[in-house]
Amino acid sequence: MKKYFIYIITNKYRGTLYIRVTNSISKRIIEHTQNKEGFCFRYNLFKLVYLEEFSEIEDAIKREKQLKNWHRDWKINLIENNNKNWIDFNNRGP
């Protein structure tokens, strides 16, 4: 069965929150870290702090759109309710 993920990455300062959908979280994080151009590189967004898994792409896209429309405080609360210390899941291997 195919899996889809919405994820949030940030920088060490917890400044910018970047939300996207992917079908391979490990591949996508590698792409973010190896890309020397673009939004993530410009804002040093490589810290994976939130992840949700879905079996249907439509559900993942719907959730991504929902989270992108949330206020910043709501996003921070979501992260902290699931990852209080903003641990980088990428370093733990999700």
N, C-alpha and C. Protein backbone atom coordinates (compact mmCIF):
# COMPACT_ATOMS: atom_id res chain seq x y z
N MET A 1 0.84 -1.18 0.00
CA MET A 1 0.00 0.00 0.00
C MET A 1 0.89 1.25 0.00
N LYS A 2 0.55 2.20 -0.81
CA LYS A 2 1.28 3.46 -0.92
C LYS A 2 1.01 4.32 0.31
N LYS A 3 2.02 5.06 0.74
CA LYS A 3 1.88 5.97 1.87
C LYS A 3 2.20 7.38 1.40
N TYR A 4 1.50 8.32 1.99
CA TYR A 4 1.72 9.73 1.71
C TYR A 4 1.90 10.46 3.03
N PHE A 5 2.64 11.52 3.00
CA PHE A 5 2.96 12.25 4.22
C PHE A 5 2.78 13.75 4.01
N ILE A 6 2.30 14.42 5.04
CA ILE A 6 2.46 15.85 5.10
C ILE A 6 3.53 16.06 6.17
N TYR A 7 4.36 17.06 5.93
CA TYR A 7 5.45 17.29 6.87
C TYR A 7 5.66 18.78 7.05
N ILE A 8 6.26 19.10 8.20
CA ILE A 8 6.64 20.46 8.48
C ILE A 8 8.14 20.46 8.78
N ILE A 9 8.86 21.32 8.06
CA ILE A 9 10.26 21.52 8.37
C ILE A 9 10.47 22.97 8.76
N THR A 10 11.52 23.21 9.51
CA THR A 10 11.84 24.55 9.97
C THR A 10 13.35 24.69 10.07
N ASN A 11 13.81 25.82 10.57
CA ASN A 11 15.23 26.00 10.80
C ASN A 11 15.50 25.93 12.30
N LYS A 12 16.75 26.09 12.69
CA LYS A 12 17.09 25.95 14.11
C LYS A 12 16.50 27.05 14.97
N TYR A 13 16.05 28.13 14.34
CA TYR A 13 15.46 29.24 15.08
C TYR A 13 13.95 29.14 15.20
N ARG A 14 13.38 28.12 14.57
CA ARG A 14 11.92 27.91 14.57
C ARG A 14 11.21 29.10 13.94
N GLY A 15 11.85 29.72 12.98
CA GLY A 15 11.29 30.90 12.34
C GLY A 15 10.23 30.54 11.31
N THR A 16 10.66 30.10 10.17
CA THR A 16 9.77 29.77 9.08
C THR A 16 9.31 28.33 9.18
N LEU A 17 8.02 28.10 8.94
CA LEU A 17 7.46 26.75 8.92
C LEU A 17 7.08 26.43 7.47
N TYR A 18 7.58 25.32 6.95
CA TYR A 18 7.37 24.93 5.56
C TYR A 18 6.57 23.63 5.55
N ILE A 19 5.40 23.64 4.91
CA ILE A 19 4.49 22.49 4.91
C ILE A 19 4.34 21.97 3.49
N ARG A 20 4.50 20.65 3.32
CA ARG A 20 4.35 20.03 2.00
C ARG A 20 3.86 18.59 2.13
N VAL A 21 3.54 18.01 0.97
CA VAL A 21 3.12 16.61 0.85
C VAL A 21 4.19 15.85 0.07
N THR A 22 4.40 14.60 0.42
CA THR A 22 5.33 13.74 -0.32
C THR A 22 4.90 12.28 -0.19
N ASN A 23 5.42 11.45 -1.07
CA ASN A 23 5.19 10.01 -0.93
C ASN A 23 6.45 9.29 -0.43
N SER A 24 7.52 10.05 -0.23
CA SER A 24 8.76 9.49 0.31
C SER A 24 9.44 10.56 1.16
N ILE A 25 9.21 10.48 2.45
CA ILE A 25 9.73 11.52 3.34
C ILE A 25 11.25 11.53 3.35
N SER A 26 11.88 10.36 3.36
CA SER A 26 13.34 10.33 3.41
C SER A 26 13.94 10.92 2.13
N LYS A 27 13.38 10.57 0.99
CA LYS A 27 13.87 11.12 -0.28
C LYS A 27 13.67 12.63 -0.34
N ARG A 28 12.53 13.08 0.13
CA ARG A 28 12.22 14.51 0.08
C ARG A 28 13.15 15.32 0.98
N ILE A 29 13.46 14.81 2.16
CA ILE A 29 14.36 15.52 3.06
C ILE A 29 15.76 15.59 2.45
N ILE A 30 16.20 14.51 1.83
CA ILE A 30 17.49 14.53 1.14
C ILE A 30 17.49 15.59 0.05
N GLU A 31 16.41 15.66 -0.72
CA GLU A 31 16.31 16.68 -1.76
C GLU A 31 16.41 18.09 -1.18
N HIS A 32 15.76 18.30 -0.04
CA HIS A 32 15.83 19.61 0.61
C HIS A 32 17.27 19.93 1.02
N THR A 33 17.95 18.97 1.60
CA THR A 33 19.30 19.22 2.11
C THR A 33 20.33 19.35 1.00
N GLN A 34 20.11 18.71 -0.14
CA GLN A 34 21.08 18.77 -1.23
C GLN A 34 20.84 19.92 -2.20
N ASN A 35 19.65 20.47 -2.21
CA ASN A 35 19.33 21.58 -3.11
C ASN A 35 20.01 22.85 -2.60
N LYS A 36 20.80 23.46 -3.44
CA LYS A 36 21.54 24.66 -3.04
C LYS A 36 20.87 25.93 -3.57
N GLU A 37 19.61 25.82 -3.91
CA GLU A 37 18.83 26.95 -4.37
C GLU A 37 17.43 26.84 -3.76
N GLY A 38 16.66 27.87 -3.93
CA GLY A 38 15.26 27.80 -3.56
C GLY A 38 14.96 28.22 -2.14
N PHE A 39 13.69 28.11 -1.83
CA PHE A 39 13.14 28.60 -0.58
C PHE A 39 13.78 27.94 0.64
N CYS A 40 13.84 26.61 0.66
CA CYS A 40 14.37 25.90 1.83
C CYS A 40 15.84 26.23 2.08
N PHE A 41 16.61 26.31 1.01
CA PHE A 41 18.02 26.66 1.16
C PHE A 41 18.16 28.09 1.68
N ARG A 42 17.41 29.00 1.11
CA ARG A 42 17.48 30.41 1.49
C ARG A 42 17.19 30.61 2.98
N TYR A 43 16.23 29.85 3.51
CA TYR A 43 15.84 30.01 4.92
C TYR A 43 16.38 28.89 5.82
N ASN A 44 17.27 28.05 5.28
CA ASN A 44 17.92 26.99 6.05
C ASN A 44 16.89 26.05 6.70
N LEU A 45 15.91 25.62 5.92
CA LEU A 45 14.82 24.79 6.42
C LEU A 45 15.13 23.31 6.17
N PHE A 46 15.70 22.67 7.18
CA PHE A 46 16.08 21.26 7.04
C PHE A 46 15.67 20.41 8.24
N LYS A 47 15.08 21.01 9.24
CA LYS A 47 14.73 20.32 10.48
C LYS A 47 13.29 19.80 10.40
N LEU A 48 13.14 18.49 10.32
CA LEU A 48 11.82 17.86 10.23
C LEU A 48 11.22 17.75 11.63
N VAL A 49 10.16 18.53 11.89
CA VAL A 49 9.61 18.59 13.24
C VAL A 49 8.19 18.05 13.35
N TYR A 50 7.56 17.76 12.22
CA TYR A 50 6.19 17.25 12.27
C TYR A 50 5.92 16.39 11.04
N LEU A 51 5.14 15.32 11.26
CA LEU A 51 4.87 14.36 10.19
C LEU A 51 3.52 13.69 10.44
N GLU A 52 2.71 13.59 9.39
CA GLU A 52 1.47 12.82 9.44
C GLU A 52 1.46 11.89 8.23
N GLU A 53 0.94 10.69 8.42
CA GLU A 53 0.90 9.68 7.36
C GLU A 53 -0.53 9.46 6.89
N PHE A 54 -0.69 9.25 5.58
CA PHE A 54 -2.00 9.02 4.96
C PHE A 54 -1.90 7.88 3.96
N SER A 55 -3.00 7.18 3.75
CA SER A 55 -3.03 6.13 2.74
C SER A 55 -3.57 6.63 1.41
N GLU A 56 -4.23 7.78 1.43
CA GLU A 56 -4.80 8.36 0.21
C GLU A 56 -4.20 9.75 -0.04
N ILE A 57 -3.74 9.98 -1.26
CA ILE A 57 -3.13 11.27 -1.60
C ILE A 57 -4.12 12.42 -1.43
N GLU A 58 -5.38 12.18 -1.73
CA GLU A 58 -6.38 13.24 -1.60
C GLU A 58 -6.49 13.72 -0.15
N ASP A 59 -6.41 12.78 0.79
CA ASP A 59 -6.48 13.14 2.21
C ASP A 59 -5.26 13.94 2.63
N ALA A 60 -4.09 13.55 2.12
CA ALA A 60 -2.86 14.27 2.45
C ALA A 60 -2.90 15.69 1.91
N ILE A 61 -3.35 15.84 0.68
CA ILE A 61 -3.44 17.17 0.07
C ILE A 61 -4.45 18.04 0.81
N LYS A 62 -5.57 17.45 1.18
CA LYS A 62 -6.59 18.19 1.93
C LYS A 62 -6.02 18.69 3.27
N ARG A 63 -5.27 17.82 3.95
CA ARG A 63 -4.67 18.19 5.23
C ARG A 63 -3.60 19.27 5.04
N GLU A 64 -2.80 19.13 3.99
CA GLU A 64 -1.78 20.15 3.71
C GLU A 64 -2.43 21.52 3.53
N LYS A 65 -3.47 21.58 2.74
CA LYS A 65 -4.17 22.85 2.51
C LYS A 65 -4.75 23.41 3.80
N GLN A 66 -5.29 22.50 4.62
CA GLN A 66 -5.85 22.94 5.90
C GLN A 66 -4.76 23.56 6.77
N LEU A 67 -3.63 22.88 6.91
CA LEU A 67 -2.55 23.39 7.76
C LEU A 67 -1.97 24.69 7.23
N LYS A 68 -1.87 24.82 5.93
CA LYS A 68 -1.34 26.05 5.35
C LYS A 68 -2.23 27.25 5.65
N ASN A 69 -3.50 27.02 5.87
CA ASN A 69 -4.44 28.10 6.18
C ASN A 69 -4.54 28.41 7.67
N TRP A 70 -3.91 27.60 8.49
CA TRP A 70 -3.93 27.83 9.93
C TRP A 70 -3.08 29.05 10.30
N HIS A 71 -3.42 29.65 11.45
CA HIS A 71 -2.59 30.68 12.03
C HIS A 71 -1.28 30.05 12.52
N ARG A 72 -0.23 30.83 12.54
CA ARG A 72 1.07 30.33 12.99
C ARG A 72 1.01 29.71 14.39
N ASP A 73 0.29 30.35 15.30
CA ASP A 73 0.19 29.81 16.67
C ASP A 73 -0.43 28.42 16.68
N TRP A 74 -1.40 28.17 15.83
CA TRP A 74 -2.03 26.85 15.76
C TRP A 74 -1.02 25.82 15.27
N LYS A 75 -0.21 26.19 14.29
CA LYS A 75 0.81 25.27 13.77
C LYS A 75 1.84 24.95 14.85
N ILE A 76 2.24 25.97 15.58
CA ILE A 76 3.20 25.77 16.66
C ILE A 76 2.62 24.84 17.72
N ASN A 77 1.36 25.04 18.09
CA ASN A 77 0.71 24.17 19.06
C ASN A 77 0.64 22.73 18.55
N LEU A 78 0.34 22.56 17.28
CA LEU A 78 0.30 21.21 16.68
C LEU A 78 1.66 20.54 16.81
N ILE A 79 2.70 21.26 16.46
CA ILE A 79 4.05 20.70 16.56
C ILE A 79 4.37 20.35 18.01
N GLU A 80 4.13 21.29 18.92
CA GLU A 80 4.51 21.09 20.32
C GLU A 80 3.68 20.03 21.02
N ASN A 81 2.45 19.80 20.57
CA ASN A 81 1.65 18.72 21.14
C ASN A 81 2.18 17.35 20.74
N ASN A 82 2.91 17.29 19.65
CA ASN A 82 3.45 16.02 19.15
C ASN A 82 4.97 15.93 19.27
N ASN A 83 5.62 17.05 19.44
CA ASN A 83 7.08 17.09 19.47
C ASN A 83 7.49 18.30 20.32
N LYS A 84 7.29 18.15 21.62
CA LYS A 84 7.44 19.27 22.56
C LYS A 84 8.77 20.00 22.43
N ASN A 85 9.84 19.26 22.21
CA ASN A 85 11.18 19.86 22.17
C ASN A 85 11.67 20.15 20.74
N TRP A 86 10.78 20.05 19.78
CA TRP A 86 11.12 20.32 18.37
C TRP A 86 12.32 19.49 17.93
N ILE A 87 12.31 18.23 18.31
CA ILE A 87 13.38 17.31 17.91
C ILE A 87 13.32 17.10 16.41
N ASP A 88 14.47 17.02 15.78
CA ASP A 88 14.56 16.79 14.34
C ASP A 88 14.35 15.30 14.09
N PHE A 89 13.16 14.94 13.57
CA PHE A 89 12.86 13.53 13.28
C PHE A 89 13.82 12.94 12.27
N ASN A 90 14.33 13.77 11.39
CA ASN A 90 15.27 13.29 10.39
C ASN A 90 16.52 12.71 11.03
N ASN A 91 16.95 13.28 12.13
CA ASN A 91 18.11 12.76 12.84
C ASN A 91 17.78 11.48 13.60
N ARG A 92 16.51 11.25 13.89
CA ARG A 92 16.11 10.03 14.57
C ARG A 92 15.68 8.97 13.59
N GLY A 93 15.45 9.36 12.34
CA GLY A 93 15.02 8.42 11.32
C GLY A 93 13.57 8.03 11.48
N PRO A 94 12.63 8.82 10.89
CA PRO A 94 11.20 8.53 11.06
C PRO A 94 10.80 7.20 10.44
